[in-house]
Amino acid sequence: EARSLERKLSFKRLRLQELLRERGLDGSSAFRQYSEQIRQKMTESG
């Protein structure tokens, strides 16, 4: 189960990186800041 979760997480992270690169958002400081705020809100709500 843990190995399966790790594979899924790796796949999701790779897809996210690919998506951000395609959209040109991987270098955007505004998007990184916004992403960090979203991440904090999601971890706080959990």
ModelCIF file with pLDDT and N, C-alpha, C, O atoms, coordinates in Angstrom:
data_MODEL
#
_entry.id   MODEL 
#
_entity.id                         1 
_entity.type                       polymer 
_entity.pdbx_number_of_molecules   1 
#
_entity_poly.entity_id                      1 
_entity_poly.type                           'polypeptide(L)' 
_entity_poly.nstd_linkage                   no 
_entity_poly.nstd_monomer                   no 
_entity_poly.pdbx_seq_one_letter_code       EARSLERKLSFKRLRLQELLRERGLDGSSAFRQYSEQIRQKMTESG 
_entity_poly.pdbx_seq_one_letter_code_can   EARSLERKLSFKRLRLQELLRERGLDGSSAFRQYSEQIRQKMTESG 
_entity_poly.pdbx_strand_id                 A 
#
loop_
_entity_poly_seq.entity_id 
_entity_poly_seq.num 
_entity_poly_seq.mon_id 
_entity_poly_seq.hetero 
1 1  GLU n 
1 2  ALA n 
1 3  ARG n 
1 4  SER n 
1 5  LEU n 
1 6  GLU n 
1 7  ARG n 
1 8  LYS n 
1 9  LEU n 
1 10 SER n 
1 11 PHE n 
1 12 LYS n 
1 13 ARG n 
1 14 LEU n 
1 15 ARG n 
1 16 LEU n 
1 17 GLN n 
1 18 GLU n 
1 19 LEU n 
1 20 LEU n 
1 21 ARG n 
1 22 GLU n 
1 23 ARG n 
1 24 GLY n 
1 25 LEU n 
1 26 ASP n 
1 27 GLY n 
1 28 SER n 
1 29 SER n 
1 30 ALA n 
1 31 PHE n 
1 32 ARG n 
1 33 GLN n 
1 34 TYR n 
1 35 SER n 
1 36 GLU n 
1 37 GLN n 
1 38 ILE n 
1 39 ARG n 
1 40 GLN n 
1 41 LYS n 
1 42 MET n 
1 43 THR n 
1 44 GLU n 
1 45 SER n 
1 46 GLY n 
#
_struct_asym.id          A 
_struct_asym.entity_id   1 
#
loop_
_ma_qa_metric.id 
_ma_qa_metric.mode 
_ma_qa_metric.name 
_ma_qa_metric.software_group_id 
_ma_qa_metric.type 
1 global pLDDT . pLDDT 
2 local  pLDDT . pLDDT 
#
_ma_qa_metric_global.metric_id      1 
_ma_qa_metric_global.metric_value   78.83 
_ma_qa_metric_global.model_id       1 
_ma_qa_metric_global.ordinal_id     1 
#
loop_
_ma_qa_metric_local.label_asym_id 
_ma_qa_metric_local.label_comp_id 
_ma_qa_metric_local.label_seq_id 
_ma_qa_metric_local.metric_id 
_ma_qa_metric_local.metric_value 
_ma_qa_metric_local.model_id 
_ma_qa_metric_local.ordinal_id 
A GLU 1  2 86.00 1 1  
A ALA 2  2 85.00 1 2  
A ARG 3  2 87.00 1 3  
A SER 4  2 90.00 1 4  
A LEU 5  2 88.00 1 5  
A GLU 6  2 90.00 1 6  
A ARG 7  2 92.00 1 7  
A LYS 8  2 92.00 1 8  
A LEU 9  2 90.00 1 9  
A SER 10 2 91.00 1 10 
A PHE 11 2 92.00 1 11 
A LYS 12 2 91.00 1 12 
A ARG 13 2 89.00 1 13 
A LEU 14 2 90.00 1 14 
A ARG 15 2 90.00 1 15 
A LEU 16 2 86.00 1 16 
A GLN 17 2 85.00 1 17 
A GLU 18 2 87.00 1 18 
A LEU 19 2 85.00 1 19 
A LEU 20 2 80.00 1 20 
A ARG 21 2 82.00 1 21 
A GLU 22 2 84.00 1 22 
A ARG 23 2 76.00 1 23 
A GLY 24 2 76.00 1 24 
A LEU 25 2 69.00 1 25 
A ASP 26 2 69.00 1 26 
A GLY 27 2 70.00 1 27 
A SER 28 2 68.00 1 28 
A SER 29 2 73.00 1 29 
A ALA 30 2 70.00 1 30 
A PHE 31 2 68.00 1 31 
A ARG 32 2 71.00 1 32 
A GLN 33 2 75.00 1 33 
A TYR 34 2 71.00 1 34 
A SER 35 2 71.00 1 35 
A GLU 36 2 75.00 1 36 
A GLN 37 2 75.00 1 37 
A ILE 38 2 72.00 1 38 
A ARG 39 2 71.00 1 39 
A GLN 40 2 76.00 1 40 
A LYS 41 2 73.00 1 41 
A MET 42 2 68.00 1 42 
A THR 43 2 70.00 1 43 
A GLU 44 2 72.00 1 44 
A SER 45 2 60.00 1 45 
A GLY 46 2 55.00 1 46 
#
loop_
_atom_site.group_PDB 
_atom_site.id 
_atom_site.type_symbol 
_atom_site.label_atom_id 
_atom_site.label_alt_id 
_atom_site.label_comp_id 
_atom_site.label_asym_id 
_atom_site.label_entity_id 
_atom_site.label_seq_id 
_atom_site.pdbx_PDB_ins_code 
_atom_site.Cartn_x 
_atom_site.Cartn_y 
_atom_site.Cartn_z 
_atom_site.occupancy 
_atom_site.B_iso_or_equiv 
_atom_site.pdbx_formal_charge 
_atom_site.auth_seq_id 
_atom_site.auth_comp_id 
_atom_site.auth_asym_id 
_atom_site.auth_atom_id 
_atom_site.pdbx_PDB_model_num 
ATOM 1   N N  . GLU A 1 1  ? 0.835  -1.213 0.000   1.00 86.00 ? 1  GLU A N  1 
ATOM 2   C CA . GLU A 1 1  ? 0.000  0.000  0.000   1.00 86.00 ? 1  GLU A CA 1 
ATOM 3   C C  . GLU A 1 1  ? 0.866  1.259  0.000   1.00 86.00 ? 1  GLU A C  1 
ATOM 4   O O  . GLU A 1 1  ? 0.595  2.197  -0.750  1.00 86.00 ? 1  GLU A O  1 
ATOM 5   N N  . ALA A 1 2  ? 1.905  1.285  0.836   1.00 85.00 ? 2  ALA A N  1 
ATOM 6   C CA . ALA A 1 2  ? 2.796  2.436  0.905   1.00 85.00 ? 2  ALA A CA 1 
ATOM 7   C C  . ALA A 1 2  ? 3.536  2.622  -0.418  1.00 85.00 ? 2  ALA A C  1 
ATOM 8   O O  . ALA A 1 2  ? 3.678  3.746  -0.899  1.00 85.00 ? 2  ALA A O  1 
ATOM 9   N N  . ARG A 1 3  ? 3.998  1.545  -0.996  1.00 87.00 ? 3  ARG A N  1 
ATOM 10  C CA . ARG A 1 3  ? 4.697  1.640  -2.283  1.00 87.00 ? 3  ARG A CA 1 
ATOM 11  C C  . ARG A 1 3  ? 3.751  2.137  -3.381  1.00 87.00 ? 3  ARG A C  1 
ATOM 12  O O  . ARG A 1 3  ? 4.145  2.926  -4.239  1.00 87.00 ? 3  ARG A O  1 
ATOM 13  N N  . SER A 1 4  ? 2.528  1.677  -3.344  1.00 90.00 ? 4  SER A N  1 
ATOM 14  C CA . SER A 1 4  ? 1.533  2.130  -4.310  1.00 90.00 ? 4  SER A CA 1 
ATOM 15  C C  . SER A 1 4  ? 1.268  3.635  -4.154  1.00 90.00 ? 4  SER A C  1 
ATOM 16  O O  . SER A 1 4  ? 1.173  4.356  -5.147  1.00 90.00 ? 4  SER A O  1 
ATOM 17  N N  . LEU A 1 5  ? 1.149  4.099  -2.913  1.00 88.00 ? 5  LEU A N  1 
ATOM 18  C CA . LEU A 1 5  ? 0.940  5.524  -2.649  1.00 88.00 ? 5  LEU A CA 1 
ATOM 19  C C  . LEU A 1 5  ? 2.130  6.349  -3.135  1.00 88.00 ? 5  LEU A C  1 
ATOM 20  O O  . LEU A 1 5  ? 1.952  7.430  -3.696  1.00 88.00 ? 5  LEU A O  1 
ATOM 21  N N  . GLU A 1 6  ? 3.349  5.835  -2.919  1.00 90.00 ? 6  GLU A N  1 
ATOM 22  C CA . GLU A 1 6  ? 4.546  6.543  -3.367  1.00 90.00 ? 6  GLU A CA 1 
ATOM 23  C C  . GLU A 1 6  ? 4.577  6.653  -4.894  1.00 90.00 ? 6  GLU A C  1 
ATOM 24  O O  . GLU A 1 6  ? 4.951  7.696  -5.430  1.00 90.00 ? 6  GLU A O  1 
ATOM 25  N N  . ARG A 1 7  ? 4.189  5.589  -5.592  1.00 92.00 ? 7  ARG A N  1 
ATOM 26  C CA . ARG A 1 7  ? 4.144  5.624  -7.053  1.00 92.00 ? 7  ARG A CA 1 
ATOM 27  C C  . ARG A 1 7  ? 3.120  6.642  -7.534  1.00 92.00 ? 7  ARG A C  1 
ATOM 28  O O  . ARG A 1 7  ? 3.385  7.428  -8.444  1.00 92.00 ? 7  ARG A O  1 
ATOM 29  N N  . LYS A 1 8  ? 1.943  6.617  -6.908  1.00 92.00 ? 8  LYS A N  1 
ATOM 30  C CA . LYS A 1 8  ? 0.904  7.578  -7.297  1.00 92.00 ? 8  LYS A CA 1 
ATOM 31  C C  . LYS A 1 8  ? 1.361  9.013  -7.051  1.00 92.00 ? 8  LYS A C  1 
ATOM 32  O O  . LYS A 1 8  ? 1.139  9.898  -7.877  1.00 92.00 ? 8  LYS A O  1 
ATOM 33  N N  . LEU A 1 9  ? 2.005  9.229  -5.898  1.00 90.00 ? 9  LEU A N  1 
ATOM 34  C CA . LEU A 1 9  ? 2.483  10.573 -5.571  1.00 90.00 ? 9  LEU A CA 1 
ATOM 35  C C  . LEU A 1 9  ? 3.547  11.027 -6.565  1.00 90.00 ? 9  LEU A C  1 
ATOM 36  O O  . LEU A 1 9  ? 3.533  12.174 -7.010  1.00 90.00 ? 9  LEU A O  1 
ATOM 37  N N  . SER A 1 10 ? 4.457  10.142 -6.910  1.00 91.00 ? 10 SER A N  1 
ATOM 38  C CA . SER A 1 10 ? 5.489  10.488 -7.899  1.00 91.00 ? 10 SER A CA 1 
ATOM 39  C C  . SER A 1 10 ? 4.861  10.837 -9.244  1.00 91.00 ? 10 SER A C  1 
ATOM 40  O O  . SER A 1 10 ? 5.262  11.806 -9.889  1.00 91.00 ? 10 SER A O  1 
ATOM 41  N N  . PHE A 1 11 ? 3.891  10.059 -9.659  1.00 92.00 ? 11 PHE A N  1 
ATOM 42  C CA . PHE A 1 11 ? 3.204  10.328 -10.929 1.00 92.00 ? 11 PHE A CA 1 
ATOM 43  C C  . PHE A 1 11 ? 2.509  11.684 -10.891 1.00 92.00 ? 11 PHE A C  1 
ATOM 44  O O  . PHE A 1 11 ? 2.612  12.458 -11.843 1.00 92.00 ? 11 PHE A O  1 
ATOM 45  N N  . LYS A 1 12 ? 1.799  11.981 -9.797  1.00 91.00 ? 12 LYS A N  1 
ATOM 46  C CA . LYS A 1 12 ? 1.074  13.265 -9.683  1.00 91.00 ? 12 LYS A CA 1 
ATOM 47  C C  . LYS A 1 12 ? 2.056  14.435 -9.691  1.00 91.00 ? 12 LYS A C  1 
ATOM 48  O O  . LYS A 1 12 ? 1.800  15.452 -10.335 1.00 91.00 ? 12 LYS A O  1 
ATOM 49  N N  . ARG A 1 13 ? 3.182  14.297 -8.978  1.00 89.00 ? 13 ARG A N  1 
ATOM 50  C CA . ARG A 1 13 ? 4.177  15.366 -8.945  1.00 89.00 ? 13 ARG A CA 1 
ATOM 51  C C  . ARG A 1 13 ? 4.780  15.608 -10.326 1.00 89.00 ? 13 ARG A C  1 
ATOM 52  O O  . ARG A 1 13 ? 4.964  16.752 -10.742 1.00 89.00 ? 13 ARG A O  1 
ATOM 53  N N  . LEU A 1 14 ? 5.084  14.523 -11.031 1.00 90.00 ? 14 LEU A N  1 
ATOM 54  C CA . LEU A 1 14 ? 5.624  14.668 -12.384 1.00 90.00 ? 14 LEU A CA 1 
ATOM 55  C C  . LEU A 1 14 ? 4.619  15.341 -13.310 1.00 90.00 ? 14 LEU A C  1 
ATOM 56  O O  . LEU A 1 14 ? 4.981  16.222 -14.090 1.00 90.00 ? 14 LEU A O  1 
ATOM 57  N N  . ARG A 1 15 ? 3.374  14.931 -13.226 1.00 90.00 ? 15 ARG A N  1 
ATOM 58  C CA . ARG A 1 15 ? 2.329  15.540 -14.057 1.00 90.00 ? 15 ARG A CA 1 
ATOM 59  C C  . ARG A 1 15 ? 2.188  17.021 -13.732 1.00 90.00 ? 15 ARG A C  1 
ATOM 60  O O  . ARG A 1 15 ? 2.022  17.842 -14.634 1.00 90.00 ? 15 ARG A O  1 
ATOM 61  N N  . LEU A 1 16 ? 2.254  17.364 -12.454 1.00 86.00 ? 16 LEU A N  1 
ATOM 62  C CA . LEU A 1 16 ? 2.150  18.760 -12.043 1.00 86.00 ? 16 LEU A CA 1 
ATOM 63  C C  . LEU A 1 16 ? 3.318  19.571 -12.596 1.00 86.00 ? 16 LEU A C  1 
ATOM 64  O O  . LEU A 1 16 ? 3.115  20.665 -13.123 1.00 86.00 ? 16 LEU A O  1 
ATOM 65  N N  . GLN A 1 17 ? 4.522  19.054 -12.484 1.00 85.00 ? 17 GLN A N  1 
ATOM 66  C CA . GLN A 1 17 ? 5.690  19.755 -13.026 1.00 85.00 ? 17 GLN A CA 1 
ATOM 67  C C  . GLN A 1 17 ? 5.566  19.947 -14.538 1.00 85.00 ? 17 GLN A C  1 
ATOM 68  O O  . GLN A 1 17 ? 5.868  21.017 -15.066 1.00 85.00 ? 17 GLN A O  1 
ATOM 69  N N  . GLU A 1 18 ? 5.125  18.907 -15.215 1.00 87.00 ? 18 GLU A N  1 
ATOM 70  C CA . GLU A 1 18 ? 4.940  18.980 -16.671 1.00 87.00 ? 18 GLU A CA 1 
ATOM 71  C C  . GLU A 1 18 ? 3.895  20.037 -17.026 1.00 87.00 ? 18 GLU A C  1 
ATOM 72  O O  . GLU A 1 18 ? 4.092  20.835 -17.942 1.00 87.00 ? 18 GLU A O  1 
ATOM 73  N N  . LEU A 1 19 ? 2.799  20.031 -16.301 1.00 85.00 ? 19 LEU A N  1 
ATOM 74  C CA . LEU A 1 19 ? 1.713  20.981 -16.549 1.00 85.00 ? 19 LEU A CA 1 
ATOM 75  C C  . LEU A 1 19 ? 2.181  22.416 -16.315 1.00 85.00 ? 19 LEU A C  1 
ATOM 76  O O  . LEU A 1 19 ? 1.888  23.305 -17.115 1.00 85.00 ? 19 LEU A O  1 
ATOM 77  N N  . LEU A 1 20 ? 2.905  22.641 -15.227 1.00 80.00 ? 20 LEU A N  1 
ATOM 78  C CA . LEU A 1 20 ? 3.404  23.977 -14.932 1.00 80.00 ? 20 LEU A CA 1 
ATOM 79  C C  . LEU A 1 20 ? 4.398  24.445 -15.992 1.00 80.00 ? 20 LEU A C  1 
ATOM 80  O O  . LEU A 1 20 ? 4.403  25.614 -16.378 1.00 80.00 ? 20 LEU A O  1 
ATOM 81  N N  . ARG A 1 21 ? 5.229  23.533 -16.453 1.00 82.00 ? 21 ARG A N  1 
ATOM 82  C CA . ARG A 1 21 ? 6.191  23.878 -17.499 1.00 82.00 ? 21 ARG A CA 1 
ATOM 83  C C  . ARG A 1 21 ? 5.470  24.216 -18.812 1.00 82.00 ? 21 ARG A C  1 
ATOM 84  O O  . ARG A 1 21 ? 5.825  25.179 -19.491 1.00 82.00 ? 21 ARG A O  1 
ATOM 85  N N  . GLU A 1 22 ? 4.445  23.408 -19.163 1.00 84.00 ? 22 GLU A N  1 
ATOM 86  C CA . GLU A 1 22 ? 3.669  23.661 -20.391 1.00 84.00 ? 22 GLU A CA 1 
ATOM 87  C C  . GLU A 1 22 ? 3.008  25.027 -20.367 1.00 84.00 ? 22 GLU A C  1 
ATOM 88  O O  . GLU A 1 22 ? 2.947  25.716 -21.386 1.00 84.00 ? 22 GLU A O  1 
ATOM 89  N N  . ARG A 1 23 ? 2.516  25.413 -19.205 1.00 76.00 ? 23 ARG A N  1 
ATOM 90  C CA . ARG A 1 23 ? 1.785  26.677 -19.084 1.00 76.00 ? 23 ARG A CA 1 
ATOM 91  C C  . ARG A 1 23 ? 2.697  27.861 -18.778 1.00 76.00 ? 23 ARG A C  1 
ATOM 92  O O  . ARG A 1 23 ? 2.244  29.000 -18.668 1.00 76.00 ? 23 ARG A O  1 
ATOM 93  N N  . GLY A 1 24 ? 3.982  27.572 -18.644 1.00 76.00 ? 24 GLY A N  1 
ATOM 94  C CA . GLY A 1 24 ? 4.928  28.649 -18.360 1.00 76.00 ? 24 GLY A CA 1 
ATOM 95  C C  . GLY A 1 24 ? 4.838  29.173 -16.947 1.00 76.00 ? 24 GLY A C  1 
ATOM 96  O O  . GLY A 1 24 ? 5.268  30.293 -16.673 1.00 76.00 ? 24 GLY A O  1 
ATOM 97  N N  . LEU A 1 25 ? 4.285  28.383 -16.045 1.00 69.00 ? 25 LEU A N  1 
ATOM 98  C CA . LEU A 1 25 ? 4.096  28.830 -14.669 1.00 69.00 ? 25 LEU A CA 1 
ATOM 99  C C  . LEU A 1 25 ? 5.207  28.366 -13.737 1.00 69.00 ? 25 LEU A C  1 
ATOM 100 O O  . LEU A 1 25 ? 5.254  28.771 -12.576 1.00 69.00 ? 25 LEU A O  1 
ATOM 101 N N  . ASP A 1 26 ? 6.100  27.519 -14.239 1.00 69.00 ? 26 ASP A N  1 
ATOM 102 C CA . ASP A 1 26 ? 7.154  26.996 -13.375 1.00 69.00 ? 26 ASP A CA 1 
ATOM 103 C C  . ASP A 1 26 ? 8.143  28.080 -12.964 1.00 69.00 ? 26 ASP A C  1 
ATOM 104 O O  . ASP A 1 26 ? 8.802  27.940 -11.934 1.00 69.00 ? 26 ASP A O  1 
ATOM 105 N N  . GLY A 1 27 ? 8.267  29.151 -13.735 1.00 70.00 ? 27 GLY A N  1 
ATOM 106 C CA . GLY A 1 27 ? 9.184  30.230 -13.405 1.00 70.00 ? 27 GLY A CA 1 
ATOM 107 C C  . GLY A 1 27 ? 8.502  31.452 -12.830 1.00 70.00 ? 27 GLY A C  1 
ATOM 108 O O  . GLY A 1 27 ? 9.175  32.430 -12.503 1.00 70.00 ? 27 GLY A O  1 
ATOM 109 N N  . SER A 1 28 ? 7.191  31.427 -12.697 1.00 68.00 ? 28 SER A N  1 
ATOM 110 C CA . SER A 1 28 ? 6.434  32.590 -12.234 1.00 68.00 ? 28 SER A CA 1 
ATOM 111 C C  . SER A 1 28 ? 6.490  32.696 -10.710 1.00 68.00 ? 28 SER A C  1 
ATOM 112 O O  . SER A 1 28 ? 6.017  31.806 -10.003 1.00 68.00 ? 28 SER A O  1 
ATOM 113 N N  . SER A 1 29 ? 7.069  33.789 -10.210 1.00 73.00 ? 29 SER A N  1 
ATOM 114 C CA . SER A 1 29 ? 7.154  33.971 -8.761  1.00 73.00 ? 29 SER A CA 1 
ATOM 115 C C  . SER A 1 29 ? 5.764  34.197 -8.162  1.00 73.00 ? 29 SER A C  1 
ATOM 116 O O  . SER A 1 29 ? 5.492  33.759 -7.044  1.00 73.00 ? 29 SER A O  1 
ATOM 117 N N  . ALA A 1 30 ? 4.889  34.875 -8.897  1.00 70.00 ? 30 ALA A N  1 
ATOM 118 C CA . ALA A 1 30 ? 3.524  35.110 -8.398  1.00 70.00 ? 30 ALA A CA 1 
ATOM 119 C C  . ALA A 1 30 ? 2.787  33.783 -8.258  1.00 70.00 ? 30 ALA A C  1 
ATOM 120 O O  . ALA A 1 30 ? 2.076  33.561 -7.278  1.00 70.00 ? 30 ALA A O  1 
ATOM 121 N N  . PHE A 1 31 ? 2.960  32.898 -9.245  1.00 68.00 ? 31 PHE A N  1 
ATOM 122 C CA . PHE A 1 31 ? 2.274  31.612 -9.163  1.00 68.00 ? 31 PHE A CA 1 
ATOM 123 C C  . PHE A 1 31 ? 2.858  30.750 -8.041  1.00 68.00 ? 31 PHE A C  1 
ATOM 124 O O  . PHE A 1 31 ? 2.117  30.046 -7.354  1.00 68.00 ? 31 PHE A O  1 
ATOM 125 N N  . ARG A 1 32 ? 4.182  30.800 -7.852  1.00 71.00 ? 32 ARG A N  1 
ATOM 126 C CA . ARG A 1 32 ? 4.787  30.026 -6.757  1.00 71.00 ? 32 ARG A CA 1 
ATOM 127 C C  . ARG A 1 32 ? 4.257  30.497 -5.411  1.00 71.00 ? 32 ARG A C  1 
ATOM 128 O O  . ARG A 1 32 ? 3.948  29.689 -4.535  1.00 71.00 ? 32 ARG A O  1 
ATOM 129 N N  . GLN A 1 33 ? 4.153  31.821 -5.253  1.00 75.00 ? 33 GLN A N  1 
ATOM 130 C CA . GLN A 1 33 ? 3.640  32.371 -4.001  1.00 75.00 ? 33 GLN A CA 1 
ATOM 131 C C  . GLN A 1 33 ? 2.187  31.953 -3.794  1.00 75.00 ? 33 GLN A C  1 
ATOM 132 O O  . GLN A 1 33 ? 1.806  31.555 -2.693  1.00 75.00 ? 33 GLN A O  1 
ATOM 133 N N  . TYR A 1 34 ? 1.384  32.040 -4.835  1.00 71.00 ? 34 TYR A N  1 
ATOM 134 C CA . TYR A 1 34 ? -0.017 31.631 -4.758  1.00 71.00 ? 34 TYR A CA 1 
ATOM 135 C C  . TYR A 1 34 ? -0.123 30.140 -4.447  1.00 71.00 ? 34 TYR A C  1 
ATOM 136 O O  . TYR A 1 34 ? -0.957 29.728 -3.641  1.00 71.00 ? 34 TYR A O  1 
ATOM 137 N N  . SER A 1 35 ? 0.719  29.339 -5.084  1.00 71.00 ? 35 SER A N  1 
ATOM 138 C CA . SER A 1 35 ? 0.709  27.895 -4.856  1.00 71.00 ? 35 SER A CA 1 
ATOM 139 C C  . SER A 1 35 ? 1.032  27.571 -3.410  1.00 71.00 ? 35 SER A C  1 
ATOM 140 O O  . SER A 1 35 ? 0.432  26.675 -2.817  1.00 71.00 ? 35 SER A O  1 
ATOM 141 N N  . GLU A 1 36 ? 1.978  28.299 -2.845  1.00 75.00 ? 36 GLU A N  1 
ATOM 142 C CA . GLU A 1 36 ? 2.346  28.053 -1.451  1.00 75.00 ? 36 GLU A CA 1 
ATOM 143 C C  . GLU A 1 36 ? 1.193  28.415 -0.521  1.00 75.00 ? 36 GLU A C  1 
ATOM 144 O O  . GLU A 1 36 ? 0.957  27.721 0.467   1.00 75.00 ? 36 GLU A O  1 
ATOM 145 N N  . GLN A 1 37 ? 0.481  29.482 -0.823  1.00 75.00 ? 37 GLN A N  1 
ATOM 146 C CA . GLN A 1 37 ? -0.675 29.852 -0.006  1.00 75.00 ? 37 GLN A CA 1 
ATOM 147 C C  . GLN A 1 37 ? -1.757 28.779 -0.090  1.00 75.00 ? 37 GLN A C  1 
ATOM 148 O O  . GLN A 1 37 ? -2.374 28.444 0.921   1.00 75.00 ? 37 GLN A O  1 
ATOM 149 N N  . ILE A 1 38 ? -1.992 28.238 -1.281  1.00 72.00 ? 38 ILE A N  1 
ATOM 150 C CA . ILE A 1 38 ? -2.986 27.166 -1.450  1.00 72.00 ? 38 ILE A CA 1 
ATOM 151 C C  . ILE A 1 38 ? -2.556 25.942 -0.657  1.00 72.00 ? 38 ILE A C  1 
ATOM 152 O O  . ILE A 1 38 ? -3.360 25.325 0.041   1.00 72.00 ? 38 ILE A O  1 
ATOM 153 N N  . ARG A 1 39 ? -1.277 25.597 -0.772  1.00 71.00 ? 39 ARG A N  1 
ATOM 154 C CA . ARG A 1 39 ? -0.755 24.418 -0.065  1.00 71.00 ? 39 ARG A CA 1 
ATOM 155 C C  . ARG A 1 39 ? -0.940 24.573 1.446   1.00 71.00 ? 39 ARG A C  1 
ATOM 156 O O  . ARG A 1 39 ? -1.339 23.627 2.125   1.00 71.00 ? 39 ARG A O  1 
ATOM 157 N N  . GLN A 1 40 ? -0.651 25.755 1.965   1.00 76.00 ? 40 GLN A N  1 
ATOM 158 C CA . GLN A 1 40 ? -0.822 25.989 3.398   1.00 76.00 ? 40 GLN A CA 1 
ATOM 159 C C  . GLN A 1 40 ? -2.283 25.851 3.808   1.00 76.00 ? 40 GLN A C  1 
ATOM 160 O O  . GLN A 1 40 ? -2.589 25.256 4.841   1.00 76.00 ? 40 GLN A O  1 
ATOM 161 N N  . LYS A 1 41 ? -3.181 26.399 3.000   1.00 73.00 ? 41 LYS A N  1 
ATOM 162 C CA . LYS A 1 41 ? -4.609 26.292 3.330   1.00 73.00 ? 41 LYS A CA 1 
ATOM 163 C C  . LYS A 1 41 ? -5.083 24.852 3.302   1.00 73.00 ? 41 LYS A C  1 
ATOM 164 O O  . LYS A 1 41 ? -5.879 24.438 4.145   1.00 73.00 ? 41 LYS A O  1 
ATOM 165 N N  . MET A 1 42 ? -4.589 24.078 2.322   1.00 68.00 ? 42 MET A N  1 
ATOM 166 C CA . MET A 1 42 ? -5.014 22.683 2.228   1.00 68.00 ? 42 MET A CA 1 
ATOM 167 C C  . MET A 1 42 ? -4.475 21.869 3.384   1.00 68.00 ? 42 MET A C  1 
ATOM 168 O O  . MET A 1 42 ? -5.180 21.004 3.902   1.00 68.00 ? 42 MET A O  1 
ATOM 169 N N  . THR A 1 43 ? -3.245 22.120 3.806   1.00 70.00 ? 43 THR A N  1 
ATOM 170 C CA . THR A 1 43 ? -2.689 21.358 4.931   1.00 70.00 ? 43 THR A CA 1 
ATOM 171 C C  . THR A 1 43 ? -3.308 21.798 6.244   1.00 70.00 ? 43 THR A C  1 
ATOM 172 O O  . THR A 1 43 ? -3.464 20.978 7.148   1.00 70.00 ? 43 THR A O  1 
ATOM 173 N N  . GLU A 1 44 ? -3.668 23.079 6.377   1.00 72.00 ? 44 GLU A N  1 
ATOM 174 C CA . GLU A 1 44 ? -4.341 23.548 7.581   1.00 72.00 ? 44 GLU A CA 1 
ATOM 175 C C  . GLU A 1 44 ? -5.727 22.945 7.711   1.00 72.00 ? 44 GLU A C  1 
ATOM 176 O O  . GLU A 1 44 ? -6.133 22.558 8.806   1.00 72.00 ? 44 GLU A O  1 
ATOM 177 N N  . SER A 1 45 ? -6.461 22.860 6.603   1.00 60.00 ? 45 SER A N  1 
ATOM 178 C CA . SER A 1 45 ? -7.821 22.334 6.670   1.00 60.00 ? 45 SER A CA 1 
ATOM 179 C C  . SER A 1 45 ? -7.838 20.841 6.964   1.00 60.00 ? 45 SER A C  1 
ATOM 180 O O  . SER A 1 45 ? -8.844 20.316 7.440   1.00 60.00 ? 45 SER A O  1 
ATOM 181 N N  . GLY A 1 46 ? -6.733 20.152 6.686   1.00 55.00 ? 46 GLY A N  1 
ATOM 182 C CA . GLY A 1 46 ? -6.659 18.721 6.949   1.00 55.00 ? 46 GLY A CA 1 
ATOM 183 C C  . GLY A 1 46 ? -6.309 18.388 8.383   1.00 55.00 ? 46 GLY A C  1 
ATOM 184 O O  . GLY A 1 46 ? -6.214 17.213 8.738   1.00 55.00 ? 46 GLY A O  1 
#
